[in-house]
């Protein structure tokens, strides 16, 4: 492994471990990929648009998620996690200000034609539409459920306090319903109302089970406590809120791996992992050892399969905000 890459991994690992929750910034971090693409092209109009998109992701996604968590920790009187969420909120606002300032500076340098900007705005609209549903969809794998609610449930299970376990699971169902409300439905994706309602009904069922539960009468938890993550998959969503892809992830991965710039960057590297993600209008493929996209990121056209750009040693805006070295020039 190259020394420079090894040091970058150590730095990124420290940064990620010191941050409250990377997942809450993920939409903006993906916008950062396109900021870097257009920055290396010198296209400051589109740089500005993507900085604004990153800032908007905080308003649409990060702030509502943080508010939900913060209120929950306060309701449970957990000062440790309240401080953690408040720190996260400060970081969100700091990052949002960073992107807005960078957007303003980029606009001052922009010579991008309006017809180009119009097309880019259409791409950004697809990008946001594609990203909004991912957060409630992944509620049971990341964030407050995985880091806090499950810990509380495990402690309750050890004490055979199944009533508490059921109520905590009801809290989770209500919280994911609130995410659908705040992140999707309030932004016009009303097709998700039936999923929200399904989670609310599930929460009522769990509260009912908890209310009639008698300590010592059950040796294990009822099956209803474990079906929350499957509710989303059981609902039929109108295709109007889905952005269909022309390519499959496996095909995109093979295209990225054969690009000479990527192949050259991955030479002599060990423990390489790759991750393909559809961004609503194009694919990004990240190659990394330990952090997010710390070796290379390929951007691939969804329709043609052409490699549009390759970012070498690209990382998210997390590390860039830390070192303060990001300049437009």
C-alpha atoms as a PDB file:
ATOM      1  CA  UNK A   1       0.000   0.000   0.000  1.00  0.00           C
ATOM      2  CA  UNK A   2       1.262   3.488  -0.864  1.00  0.00           C
ATOM      3  CA  UNK A   3       2.294   5.552   2.158  1.00  0.00           C
ATOM      4  CA  UNK A   4       0.159   8.518   1.108  1.00  0.00           C
ATOM      5  CA  UNK A   5      -2.923   6.300   0.831  1.00  0.00           C
ATOM      6  CA  UNK A   6      -2.191   4.708   4.207  1.00  0.00           C
ATOM      7  CA  UNK A   7      -1.952   8.117   5.873  1.00  0.00           C
ATOM      8  CA  UNK A   8      -5.186   9.220   4.192  1.00  0.00           C
ATOM      9  CA  UNK A   9      -6.933   6.123   5.526  1.00  0.00           C
ATOM     10  CA  UNK A  10      -5.740   6.878   9.062  1.00  0.00           C
ATOM     11  CA  UNK A  11      -6.917  10.481   8.814  1.00  0.00           C
ATOM     12  CA  UNK A  12     -10.318   9.532   7.401  1.00  0.00           C
ATOM     13  CA  UNK A  13     -10.772   6.788   9.994  1.00  0.00           C
ATOM     14  CA  UNK A  14     -10.085   9.247  12.815  1.00  0.00           C
ATOM     15  CA  UNK A  15     -12.480  11.789  11.318  1.00  0.00           C
ATOM     16  CA  UNK A  16     -15.289   9.277  10.830  1.00  0.00           C
ATOM     17  CA  UNK A  17     -14.897   7.849  14.327  1.00  0.00           C
ATOM     18  CA  UNK A  18     -14.918  11.311  15.878  1.00  0.00           C
ATOM     19  CA  UNK A  19     -18.129  12.311  14.097  1.00  0.00           C
ATOM     20  CA  UNK A  20     -21.548  11.579  15.620  1.00  0.00           C
ATOM     21  CA  UNK A  21     -23.132   9.969  12.555  1.00  0.00           C
ATOM     22  CA  UNK A  22     -21.762   9.967   8.999  1.00  0.00           C
ATOM     23  CA  UNK A  23     -24.981   8.562   7.518  1.00  0.00           C
ATOM     24  CA  UNK A  24     -26.894  11.751   8.253  1.00  0.00           C
ATOM     25  CA  UNK A  25     -24.533  13.653   5.907  1.00  0.00           C
ATOM     26  CA  UNK A  26     -24.533  11.082   3.113  1.00  0.00           C
ATOM     27  CA  UNK A  27     -26.735  12.912   0.617  1.00  0.00           C
ATOM     28  CA  UNK A  28     -24.543  16.008   0.814  1.00  0.00           C
ATOM     29  CA  UNK A  29     -21.401  13.879   0.617  1.00  0.00           C
ATOM     30  CA  UNK A  30     -22.657  12.440  -2.668  1.00  0.00           C
ATOM     31  CA  UNK A  31     -23.358  15.944  -3.954  1.00  0.00           C
ATOM     32  CA  UNK A  32     -19.714  16.656  -3.155  1.00  0.00           C
ATOM     33  CA  UNK A  33     -18.692  14.117  -5.811  1.00  0.00           C
ATOM     34  CA  UNK A  34     -20.248  16.270  -8.522  1.00  0.00           C
ATOM     35  CA  UNK A  35     -18.787  19.423  -6.997  1.00  0.00           C
ATOM     36  CA  UNK A  36     -15.375  17.877  -7.515  1.00  0.00           C
ATOM     37  CA  UNK A  37     -16.198  16.760 -11.041  1.00  0.00           C
ATOM     38  CA  UNK A  38     -17.096  20.250 -12.201  1.00  0.00           C
ATOM     39  CA  UNK A  39     -14.381  21.890 -10.158  1.00  0.00           C
ATOM     40  CA  UNK A  40     -11.730  19.909 -12.027  1.00  0.00           C
ATOM     41  CA  UNK A  41     -13.389  20.971 -15.286  1.00  0.00           C
ATOM     42  CA  UNK A  42     -13.411  24.618 -14.230  1.00  0.00           C
ATOM     43  CA  UNK A  43     -17.195  24.777 -14.696  1.00  0.00           C
ATOM     44  CA  UNK A  44     -18.031  27.099 -11.811  1.00  0.00           C
ATOM     45  CA  UNK A  45     -21.710  27.499 -12.645  1.00  0.00           C
ATOM     46  CA  UNK A  46     -22.316  23.817 -12.108  1.00  0.00           C
ATOM     47  CA  UNK A  47     -19.978  23.842  -9.096  1.00  0.00           C
ATOM     48  CA  UNK A  48     -22.270  26.491  -7.589  1.00  0.00           C
ATOM     49  CA  UNK A  49     -25.418  24.491  -8.347  1.00  0.00           C
ATOM     50  CA  UNK A  50     -24.041  21.385  -6.636  1.00  0.00           C
ATOM     51  CA  UNK A  51     -22.875  23.354  -3.603  1.00  0.00           C
ATOM     52  CA  UNK A  52     -26.437  24.646  -3.332  1.00  0.00           C
ATOM     53  CA  UNK A  53     -27.736  21.084  -3.738  1.00  0.00           C
ATOM     54  CA  UNK A  54     -25.477  19.906  -0.918  1.00  0.00           C
ATOM     55  CA  UNK A  55     -26.740  22.718   1.307  1.00  0.00           C
ATOM     56  CA  UNK A  56     -30.338  21.824   0.473  1.00  0.00           C
ATOM     57  CA  UNK A  57     -29.723  18.174   1.377  1.00  0.00           C
ATOM     58  CA  UNK A  58     -29.016  19.343   4.908  1.00  0.00           C
ATOM     59  CA  UNK A  59     -32.357  21.157   5.025  1.00  0.00           C
ATOM     60  CA  UNK A  60     -34.319  18.333   3.417  1.00  0.00           C
ATOM     61  CA  UNK A  61     -32.668  15.397   5.179  1.00  0.00           C
ATOM     62  CA  UNK A  62     -30.049  16.046   7.852  1.00  0.00           C
ATOM     63  CA  UNK A  63     -31.865  18.686   9.891  1.00  0.00           C
ATOM     64  CA  UNK A  64     -35.180  16.753  10.156  1.00  0.00           C
ATOM     65  CA  UNK A  65     -33.322  13.556  11.086  1.00  0.00           C
ATOM     66  CA  UNK A  66     -31.282  15.342  13.710  1.00  0.00           C
ATOM     67  CA  UNK A  67     -34.366  17.056  15.175  1.00  0.00           C
ATOM     68  CA  UNK A  68     -36.152  13.715  15.537  1.00  0.00           C
ATOM     69  CA  UNK A  69     -33.194  12.173  17.344  1.00  0.00           C
ATOM     70  CA  UNK A  70     -32.593  15.177  19.568  1.00  0.00           C
ATOM     71  CA  UNK A  71     -36.220  15.301  20.705  1.00  0.00           C
ATOM     72  CA  UNK A  72     -36.172  11.562  21.436  1.00  0.00           C
ATOM     73  CA  UNK A  73     -33.014  11.766  23.563  1.00  0.00           C
ATOM     74  CA  UNK A  74     -34.442  14.733  25.474  1.00  0.00           C
ATOM     75  CA  UNK A  75     -37.694  12.867  26.077  1.00  0.00           C
ATOM     76  CA  UNK A  76     -35.712   9.976  27.563  1.00  0.00           C
ATOM     77  CA  UNK A  77     -33.494  12.287  29.598  1.00  0.00           C
ATOM     78  CA  UNK A  78     -30.272  10.909  28.128  1.00  0.00           C
ATOM     79  CA  UNK A  79     -27.863  13.840  28.446  1.00  0.00           C
ATOM     80  CA  UNK A  80     -24.964  11.991  26.817  1.00  0.00           C
ATOM     81  CA  UNK A  81     -26.917  11.472  23.613  1.00  0.00           C
ATOM     82  CA  UNK A  82     -28.517  14.922  23.800  1.00  0.00           C
ATOM     83  CA  UNK A  83     -25.032  16.458  23.712  1.00  0.00           C
ATOM     84  CA  UNK A  84     -24.075  14.168  20.861  1.00  0.00           C
ATOM     85  CA  UNK A  85     -27.099  15.230  18.799  1.00  0.00           C
ATOM     86  CA  UNK A  86     -26.547  18.911  19.599  1.00  0.00           C
ATOM     87  CA  UNK A  87     -22.952  18.598  18.406  1.00  0.00           C
ATOM     88  CA  UNK A  88     -24.249  16.964  15.245  1.00  0.00           C
ATOM     89  CA  UNK A  89     -26.689  19.843  14.728  1.00  0.00           C
ATOM     90  CA  UNK A  90     -23.881  22.387  15.007  1.00  0.00           C
ATOM     91  CA  UNK A  91     -21.870  20.440  12.430  1.00  0.00           C
ATOM     92  CA  UNK A  92     -24.829  20.309  10.050  1.00  0.00           C
ATOM     93  CA  UNK A  93     -25.252  24.088  10.203  1.00  0.00           C
ATOM     94  CA  UNK A  94     -21.491  24.583   9.774  1.00  0.00           C
ATOM     95  CA  UNK A  95     -21.438  22.380   6.683  1.00  0.00           C
ATOM     96  CA  UNK A  96     -24.505  24.054   5.239  1.00  0.00           C
ATOM     97  CA  UNK A  97     -22.910  27.487   5.657  1.00  0.00           C
ATOM     98  CA  UNK A  98     -19.720  26.171   4.059  1.00  0.00           C
ATOM     99  CA  UNK A  99     -21.568  25.040   0.937  1.00  0.00           C
ATOM    100  CA  UNK A 100     -23.605  28.228   0.648  1.00  0.00           C
ATOM    101  CA  UNK A 101     -20.445  30.340   0.890  1.00  0.00           C
ATOM    102  CA  UNK A 102     -18.726  28.178  -1.727  1.00  0.00           C
ATOM    103  CA  UNK A 103     -21.771  28.478  -3.991  1.00  0.00           C
ATOM    104  CA  UNK A 104     -21.674  32.263  -3.740  1.00  0.00           C
ATOM    105  CA  UNK A 105     -17.966  32.328  -4.602  1.00  0.00           C
ATOM    106  CA  UNK A 106     -18.471  29.950  -7.532  1.00  0.00           C
ATOM    107  CA  UNK A 107     -21.297  32.058  -8.977  1.00  0.00           C
ATOM    108  CA  UNK A 108     -18.972  35.050  -9.014  1.00  0.00           C
ATOM    109  CA  UNK A 109     -16.568  33.090 -11.246  1.00  0.00           C
ATOM    110  CA  UNK A 110     -19.188  31.361 -13.368  1.00  0.00           C
ATOM    111  CA  UNK A 111     -19.278  31.662 -17.148  1.00  0.00           C
ATOM    112  CA  UNK A 112     -21.563  28.657 -17.606  1.00  0.00           C
ATOM    113  CA  UNK A 113     -24.341  29.181 -20.132  1.00  0.00           C
ATOM    114  CA  UNK A 114     -27.940  29.181 -18.896  1.00  0.00           C
ATOM    115  CA  UNK A 115     -28.931  26.267 -21.142  1.00  0.00           C
ATOM    116  CA  UNK A 116     -26.262  24.145 -19.442  1.00  0.00           C
ATOM    117  CA  UNK A 117     -27.391  25.252 -15.994  1.00  0.00           C
ATOM    118  CA  UNK A 118     -30.987  24.365 -16.826  1.00  0.00           C
ATOM    119  CA  UNK A 119     -30.006  20.800 -17.734  1.00  0.00           C
ATOM    120  CA  UNK A 120     -27.921  20.511 -14.584  1.00  0.00           C
ATOM    121  CA  UNK A 121     -30.840  21.657 -12.449  1.00  0.00           C
ATOM    122  CA  UNK A 122     -32.888  18.834 -13.970  1.00  0.00           C
ATOM    123  CA  UNK A 123     -30.168  16.359 -12.970  1.00  0.00           C
ATOM    124  CA  UNK A 124     -30.083  17.757  -9.445  1.00  0.00           C
ATOM    125  CA  UNK A 125     -33.868  17.398  -9.172  1.00  0.00           C
ATOM    126  CA  UNK A 126     -33.494  13.701 -10.044  1.00  0.00           C
ATOM    127  CA  UNK A 127     -30.593  13.402  -7.603  1.00  0.00           C
ATOM    128  CA  UNK A 128     -32.696  14.749  -4.718  1.00  0.00           C
ATOM    129  CA  UNK A 129     -35.717  12.672  -5.685  1.00  0.00           C
ATOM    130  CA  UNK A 130     -33.505   9.596  -5.712  1.00  0.00           C
ATOM    131  CA  UNK A 131     -31.893  10.337  -2.342  1.00  0.00           C
ATOM    132  CA  UNK A 132     -34.897  11.339  -0.240  1.00  0.00           C
ATOM    133  CA  UNK A 133     -36.391   7.824   0.125  1.00  0.00           C
ATOM    134  CA  UNK A 134     -33.125   6.194   1.179  1.00  0.00           C
ATOM    135  CA  UNK A 135     -33.139   7.484   4.741  1.00  0.00           C
ATOM    136  CA  UNK A 136     -36.426   6.056   6.065  1.00  0.00           C
ATOM    137  CA  UNK A 137     -35.842   2.957   3.923  1.00  0.00           C
ATOM    138  CA  UNK A 138     -32.627   2.276   5.831  1.00  0.00           C
ATOM    139  CA  UNK A 139     -33.898   3.334   9.259  1.00  0.00           C
ATOM    140  CA  UNK A 140     -33.524  -0.115  10.820  1.00  0.00           C
ATOM    141  CA  UNK A 141     -29.916  -0.548   9.641  1.00  0.00           C
ATOM    142  CA  UNK A 142     -28.418   2.831  10.546  1.00  0.00           C
ATOM    143  CA  UNK A 143     -28.761   5.849  12.777  1.00  0.00           C
ATOM    144  CA  UNK A 144     -30.730   6.076  15.982  1.00  0.00           C
ATOM    145  CA  UNK A 145     -32.267   2.602  15.695  1.00  0.00           C
ATOM    146  CA  UNK A 146     -28.962   0.773  15.269  1.00  0.00           C
ATOM    147  CA  UNK A 147     -26.955   2.911  17.676  1.00  0.00           C
ATOM    148  CA  UNK A 148     -29.436   3.709  20.446  1.00  0.00           C
ATOM    149  CA  UNK A 149     -32.796   1.936  20.386  1.00  0.00           C
ATOM    150  CA  UNK A 150     -31.282  -1.520  19.831  1.00  0.00           C
ATOM    151  CA  UNK A 151     -28.877  -0.966  22.724  1.00  0.00           C
ATOM    152  CA  UNK A 152     -31.780  -0.073  24.992  1.00  0.00           C
ATOM    153  CA  UNK A 153     -33.718  -3.108  23.803  1.00  0.00           C
ATOM    154  CA  UNK A 154     -30.819  -5.469  24.418  1.00  0.00           C
ATOM    155  CA  UNK A 155     -30.492  -4.209  27.971  1.00  0.00           C
ATOM    156  CA  UNK A 156     -34.231  -4.680  28.497  1.00  0.00           C
ATOM    157  CA  UNK A 157     -34.141  -8.195  26.997  1.00  0.00           C
ATOM    158  CA  UNK A 158     -31.415  -9.214  29.444  1.00  0.00           C
ATOM    159  CA  UNK A 159     -33.768  -8.210  32.251  1.00  0.00           C
ATOM    160  CA  UNK A 160     -36.705  -9.992  30.546  1.00  0.00           C
ATOM    161  CA  UNK A 161     -38.461  -6.618  30.400  1.00  0.00           C
ATOM    162  CA  UNK A 162     -40.348  -7.428  27.219  1.00  0.00           C
ATOM    163  CA  UNK A 163     -42.857  -4.633  27.822  1.00  0.00           C
ATOM    164  CA  UNK A 164     -40.043  -2.104  27.455  1.00  0.00           C
ATOM    165  CA  UNK A 165     -38.727  -3.868  24.362  1.00  0.00           C
ATOM    166  CA  UNK A 166     -42.150  -3.633  22.727  1.00  0.00           C
ATOM    167  CA  UNK A 167     -42.543   0.048  23.602  1.00  0.00           C
ATOM    168  CA  UNK A 168     -39.079   0.816  22.237  1.00  0.00           C
ATOM    169  CA  UNK A 169     -39.977  -0.938  19.000  1.00  0.00           C
ATOM    170  CA  UNK A 170     -43.169   1.134  18.874  1.00  0.00           C
ATOM    171  CA  UNK A 171     -41.012   4.241  19.322  1.00  0.00           C
ATOM    172  CA  UNK A 172     -38.985   3.108  16.307  1.00  0.00           C
ATOM    173  CA  UNK A 173     -42.075   2.560  14.159  1.00  0.00           C
ATOM    174  CA  UNK A 174     -43.378   6.014  15.053  1.00  0.00           C
ATOM    175  CA  UNK A 175     -40.011   7.550  14.296  1.00  0.00           C
ATOM    176  CA  UNK A 176     -39.687   5.986  10.851  1.00  0.00           C
ATOM    177  CA  UNK A 177     -43.253   7.144  10.118  1.00  0.00           C
ATOM    178  CA  UNK A 178     -42.179  10.649  11.098  1.00  0.00           C
ATOM    179  CA  UNK A 179     -39.238  10.400   8.699  1.00  0.00           C
ATOM    180  CA  UNK A 180     -41.594   9.568   5.835  1.00  0.00           C
ATOM    181  CA  UNK A 181     -43.677  12.586   6.850  1.00  0.00           C
ATOM    182  CA  UNK A 182     -40.846  15.090   7.192  1.00  0.00           C
ATOM    183  CA  UNK A 183     -38.505  13.963   4.410  1.00  0.00           C
ATOM    184  CA  UNK A 184     -40.822  12.573   1.743  1.00  0.00           C
ATOM    185  CA  UNK A 185     -44.462  13.570   2.134  1.00  0.00           C
ATOM    186  CA  UNK A 186     -43.759  17.211   3.050  1.00  0.00           C
ATOM    187  CA  UNK A 187     -41.625  17.439  -0.096  1.00  0.00           C
ATOM    188  CA  UNK A 188     -44.451  16.300  -2.356  1.00  0.00           C
ATOM    189  CA  UNK A 189     -43.912  12.515  -2.413  1.00  0.00           C
ATOM    190  CA  UNK A 190     -47.414  11.785  -1.155  1.00  0.00           C
ATOM    191  CA  UNK A 191     -47.330   8.261  -2.590  1.00  0.00           C
ATOM    192  CA  UNK A 192     -45.447   7.309   0.576  1.00  0.00           C
ATOM    193  CA  UNK A 193     -48.392   8.104   2.851  1.00  0.00           C
ATOM    194  CA  UNK A 194     -49.512   4.470   2.896  1.00  0.00           C
ATOM    195  CA  UNK A 195     -46.091   3.376   4.113  1.00  0.00           C
ATOM    196  CA  UNK A 196     -46.198   5.992   6.854  1.00  0.00           C
ATOM    197  CA  UNK A 197     -49.653   4.795   7.855  1.00  0.00           C
ATOM    198  CA  UNK A 198     -48.495   1.172   7.888  1.00  0.00           C
ATOM    199  CA  UNK A 199     -45.745   2.055  10.369  1.00  0.00           C
ATOM    200  CA  UNK A 200     -48.206   3.991  12.529  1.00  0.00           C
ATOM    201  CA  UNK A 201     -50.556   0.989  12.607  1.00  0.00           C
ATOM    202  CA  UNK A 202     -47.610  -1.208  13.547  1.00  0.00           C
ATOM    203  CA  UNK A 203     -46.752   1.159  16.398  1.00  0.00           C
ATOM    204  CA  UNK A 204     -50.338   0.943  17.709  1.00  0.00           C
ATOM    205  CA  UNK A 205     -50.166  -2.851  17.599  1.00  0.00           C
ATOM    206  CA  UNK A 206     -46.902  -2.872  19.541  1.00  0.00           C
ATOM    207  CA  UNK A 207     -48.275  -0.476  22.164  1.00  0.00           C
ATOM    208  CA  UNK A 208     -51.345  -2.691  22.533  1.00  0.00           C
ATOM    209  CA  UNK A 209     -49.206  -5.784  23.027  1.00  0.00           C
ATOM    210  CA  UNK A 210     -47.064  -3.946  25.570  1.00  0.00           C
ATOM    211  CA  UNK A 211     -50.125  -2.719  27.483  1.00  0.00           C
ATOM    212  CA  UNK A 212     -51.503  -6.236  28.018  1.00  0.00           C
ATOM    213  CA  UNK A 213     -48.142  -7.883  28.582  1.00  0.00           C
ATOM    214  CA  UNK A 214     -47.784  -9.513  31.985  1.00  0.00           C
ATOM    215  CA  UNK A 215     -44.264 -10.031  33.313  1.00  0.00           C
ATOM    216  CA  UNK A 216     -43.305 -13.683  33.583  1.00  0.00           C
ATOM    217  CA  UNK A 217     -45.990 -15.042  31.268  1.00  0.00           C
ATOM    218  CA  UNK A 218     -43.842 -15.189  28.118  1.00  0.00           C
ATOM    219  CA  UNK A 219     -40.484 -16.828  27.570  1.00  0.00           C
ATOM    220  CA  UNK A 220     -39.757 -14.859  24.405  1.00  0.00           C
ATOM    221  CA  UNK A 221     -40.820 -11.785  22.499  1.00  0.00           C
ATOM    222  CA  UNK A 222     -43.800 -11.902  20.126  1.00  0.00           C
ATOM    223  CA  UNK A 223     -42.936 -12.045  16.424  1.00  0.00           C
ATOM    224  CA  UNK A 224     -44.437  -8.568  15.870  1.00  0.00           C
ATOM    225  CA  UNK A 225     -41.383  -6.990  17.476  1.00  0.00           C
ATOM    226  CA  UNK A 226     -39.142  -8.031  14.582  1.00  0.00           C
ATOM    227  CA  UNK A 227     -41.178  -7.203  11.491  1.00  0.00           C
ATOM    228  CA  UNK A 228     -40.676  -3.436  11.379  1.00  0.00           C
ATOM    229  CA  UNK A 229     -37.958  -3.531   8.724  1.00  0.00           C
ATOM    230  CA  UNK A 230     -40.125  -5.639   6.406  1.00  0.00           C
ATOM    231  CA  UNK A 231     -43.082  -3.230   6.334  1.00  0.00           C
ATOM    232  CA  UNK A 232     -41.550  -1.039   3.644  1.00  0.00           C
ATOM    233  CA  UNK A 233     -40.921  -4.013   1.328  1.00  0.00           C
ATOM    234  CA  UNK A 234     -44.515  -5.187   1.622  1.00  0.00           C
ATOM    235  CA  UNK A 235     -45.955  -1.916   0.337  1.00  0.00           C
ATOM    236  CA  UNK A 236     -46.460  -1.233  -3.351  1.00  0.00           C
ATOM    237  CA  UNK A 237     -45.098   2.151  -4.393  1.00  0.00           C
ATOM    238  CA  UNK A 238     -46.270   3.998  -7.475  1.00  0.00           C
ATOM    239  CA  UNK A 239     -43.547   3.949 -10.148  1.00  0.00           C
ATOM    240  CA  UNK A 240     -43.951   7.702 -10.515  1.00  0.00           C
ATOM    241  CA  UNK A 241     -41.753   8.197  -7.457  1.00  0.00           C
ATOM    242  CA  UNK A 242     -39.096   5.766  -8.595  1.00  0.00           C
ATOM    243  CA  UNK A 243     -36.332   6.742 -11.021  1.00  0.00           C
ATOM    244  CA  UNK A 244     -35.691   3.732 -13.266  1.00  0.00           C
ATOM    245  CA  UNK A 245     -32.106   2.867 -14.168  1.00  0.00           C
ATOM    246  CA  UNK A 246     -30.964   1.760 -17.601  1.00  0.00           C
ATOM    247  CA  UNK A 247     -28.000  -0.200 -16.233  1.00  0.00           C
ATOM    248  CA  UNK A 248     -27.489  -2.719 -13.451  1.00  0.00           C
ATOM    249  CA  UNK A 249     -24.957  -2.278 -10.657  1.00  0.00           C
ATOM    250  CA  UNK A 250     -22.889  -5.314 -11.701  1.00  0.00           C
ATOM    251  CA  UNK A 251     -22.539  -3.967 -15.235  1.00  0.00           C
ATOM    252  CA  UNK A 252     -21.573  -0.540 -13.928  1.00  0.00           C
ATOM    253  CA  UNK A 253     -18.917  -2.057 -11.655  1.00  0.00           C
ATOM    254  CA  UNK A 254     -17.301  -3.880 -14.580  1.00  0.00           C
ATOM    255  CA  UNK A 255     -17.264  -0.714 -16.673  1.00  0.00           C
ATOM    256  CA  UNK A 256     -15.566   1.212 -13.863  1.00  0.00           C
ATOM    257  CA  UNK A 257     -12.957  -1.495 -13.269  1.00  0.00           C
ATOM    258  CA  UNK A 258     -11.876  -1.496 -16.915  1.00  0.00           C
ATOM    259  CA  UNK A 259     -11.249   2.248 -17.084  1.00  0.00           C
ATOM    260  CA  UNK A 260      -7.457   2.742 -17.396  1.00  0.00           C
ATOM    261  CA  UNK A 261      -7.429   5.602 -14.882  1.00  0.00           C
ATOM    262  CA  UNK A 262      -9.109   3.445 -12.274  1.00  0.00           C
ATOM    263  CA  UNK A 263      -6.909   0.435 -13.035  1.00  0.00           C
ATOM    264  CA  UNK A 264      -3.786   2.563 -12.662  1.00  0.00           C
ATOM    265  CA  UNK A 265      -4.965   3.978  -9.345  1.00  0.00           C
ATOM    266  CA  UNK A 266      -5.752   0.536  -7.925  1.00  0.00           C
ATOM    267  CA  UNK A 267      -2.368  -0.954  -8.850  1.00  0.00           C
ATOM    268  CA  UNK A 268      -0.494  -2.274  -5.787  1.00  0.00           C
ATOM    269  CA  UNK A 269      -3.450  -1.588  -3.522  1.00  0.00           C
ATOM    270  CA  UNK A 270      -4.726  -4.278  -1.151  1.00  0.00           C
ATOM    271  CA  UNK A 271      -8.083  -4.886   0.486  1.00  0.00           C
ATOM    272  CA  UNK A 272      -9.908  -2.917  -2.185  1.00  0.00           C
ATOM    273  CA  UNK A 273     -13.664  -2.642  -1.941  1.00  0.00           C
ATOM    274  CA  UNK A 274     -16.042  -1.078  -4.413  1.00  0.00           C
ATOM    275  CA  UNK A 275     -19.486   0.403  -4.130  1.00  0.00           C
ATOM    276  CA  UNK A 276     -21.820   1.342  -7.004  1.00  0.00           C
ATOM    277  CA  UNK A 277     -24.598   3.822  -6.330  1.00  0.00           C
ATOM    278  CA  UNK A 278     -27.246   5.230  -8.662  1.00  0.00           C
ATOM    279  CA  UNK A 279     -27.518   8.981  -8.175  1.00  0.00           C
ATOM    280  CA  UNK A 280     -30.759   9.561 -10.066  1.00  0.00           C
ATOM    281  CA  UNK A 281     -29.182  10.355 -13.427  1.00  0.00           C
ATOM    282  CA  UNK A 282     -25.727   8.749 -13.326  1.00  0.00           C
ATOM    283  CA  UNK A 283     -23.816   6.098 -11.383  1.00  0.00           C
ATOM    284  CA  UNK A 284     -20.886   6.613  -9.065  1.00  0.00           C
ATOM    285  CA  UNK A 285     -18.510   3.779  -8.254  1.00  0.00           C
ATOM    286  CA  UNK A 286     -16.256   4.284  -5.241  1.00  0.00           C
ATOM    287  CA  UNK A 287     -13.090   2.247  -4.725  1.00  0.00           C
ATOM    288  CA  UNK A 288     -11.658   2.346  -1.227  1.00  0.00           C
ATOM    289  CA  UNK A 289      -9.552   0.532   1.347  1.00  0.00           C
ATOM    290  CA  UNK A 290     -11.123   1.747   4.532  1.00  0.00           C
ATOM    291  CA  UNK A 291     -12.850   5.096   3.983  1.00  0.00           C
ATOM    292  CA  UNK A 292     -15.440   6.533   1.599  1.00  0.00           C
ATOM    293  CA  UNK A 293     -13.967   6.777  -1.912  1.00  0.00           C
ATOM    294  CA  UNK A 294     -10.379   7.331  -0.806  1.00  0.00           C
ATOM    295  CA  UNK A 295      -8.805   5.729  -3.905  1.00  0.00           C
ATOM    296  CA  UNK A 296     -10.989   6.660  -6.883  1.00  0.00           C
ATOM    297  CA  UNK A 297     -14.551   7.446  -7.842  1.00  0.00           C
ATOM    298  CA  UNK A 298     -15.827   6.788 -11.362  1.00  0.00           C
ATOM    299  CA  UNK A 299     -18.879   8.635 -12.671  1.00  0.00           C
ATOM    300  CA  UNK A 300     -20.744   6.657 -15.331  1.00  0.00           C
ATOM    301  CA  UNK A 301     -23.610   7.702 -17.586  1.00  0.00           C
ATOM    302  CA  UNK A 302     -26.687   5.603 -16.841  1.00  0.00           C
ATOM    303  CA  UNK A 303     -27.948   5.616 -20.428  1.00  0.00           C
ATOM    304  CA  UNK A 304     -24.749   5.060 -22.436  1.00  0.00           C
ATOM    305  CA  UNK A 305     -22.468   3.402 -19.905  1.00  0.00           C
ATOM    306  CA  UNK A 306     -19.719   5.902 -20.743  1.00  0.00           C
ATOM    307  CA  UNK A 307     -17.246   6.857 -18.011  1.00  0.00           C
ATOM    308  CA  UNK A 308     -17.816  10.599 -17.703  1.00  0.00           C
ATOM    309  CA  UNK A 309     -15.130  11.369 -15.125  1.00  0.00           C
ATOM    310  CA  UNK A 310     -12.776   9.732 -12.648  1.00  0.00           C
ATOM    311  CA  UNK A 311     -11.867  11.419  -9.402  1.00  0.00           C
ATOM    312  CA  UNK A 312      -8.513  10.233  -8.079  1.00  0.00           C
ATOM    313  CA  UNK A 313      -8.110  10.093  -4.322  1.00  0.00           C
ATOM    314  CA  UNK A 314     -11.518  11.699  -3.917  1.00  0.00           C
ATOM    315  CA  UNK A 315     -12.993  11.956  -0.458  1.00  0.00           C
ATOM    316  CA  UNK A 316     -16.168  13.448   0.952  1.00  0.00           C
ATOM    317  CA  UNK A 317     -16.601  17.015   2.159  1.00  0.00           C
ATOM    318  CA  UNK A 318     -16.006  15.758   5.708  1.00  0.00           C
ATOM    319  CA  UNK A 319     -12.214  15.713   5.364  1.00  0.00           C
ATOM    320  CA  UNK A 320     -12.210  18.867   3.283  1.00  0.00           C
ATOM    321  CA  UNK A 321     -14.080  20.788   5.958  1.00  0.00           C
ATOM    322  CA  UNK A 322     -11.620  19.540   8.529  1.00  0.00           C
ATOM    323  CA  UNK A 323      -8.457  20.724   6.824  1.00  0.00           C
ATOM    324  CA  UNK A 324      -9.971  23.953   5.466  1.00  0.00           C
ATOM    325  CA  UNK A 325      -7.935  23.705   2.276  1.00  0.00           C
ATOM    326  CA  UNK A 326     -10.717  23.631  -0.272  1.00  0.00           C
ATOM    327  CA  UNK A 327     -10.331  26.530  -2.683  1.00  0.00           C
ATOM    328  CA  UNK A 328     -12.064  27.343  -5.928  1.00  0.00           C
ATOM    329  CA  UNK A 329      -8.793  28.051  -7.691  1.00  0.00           C
END
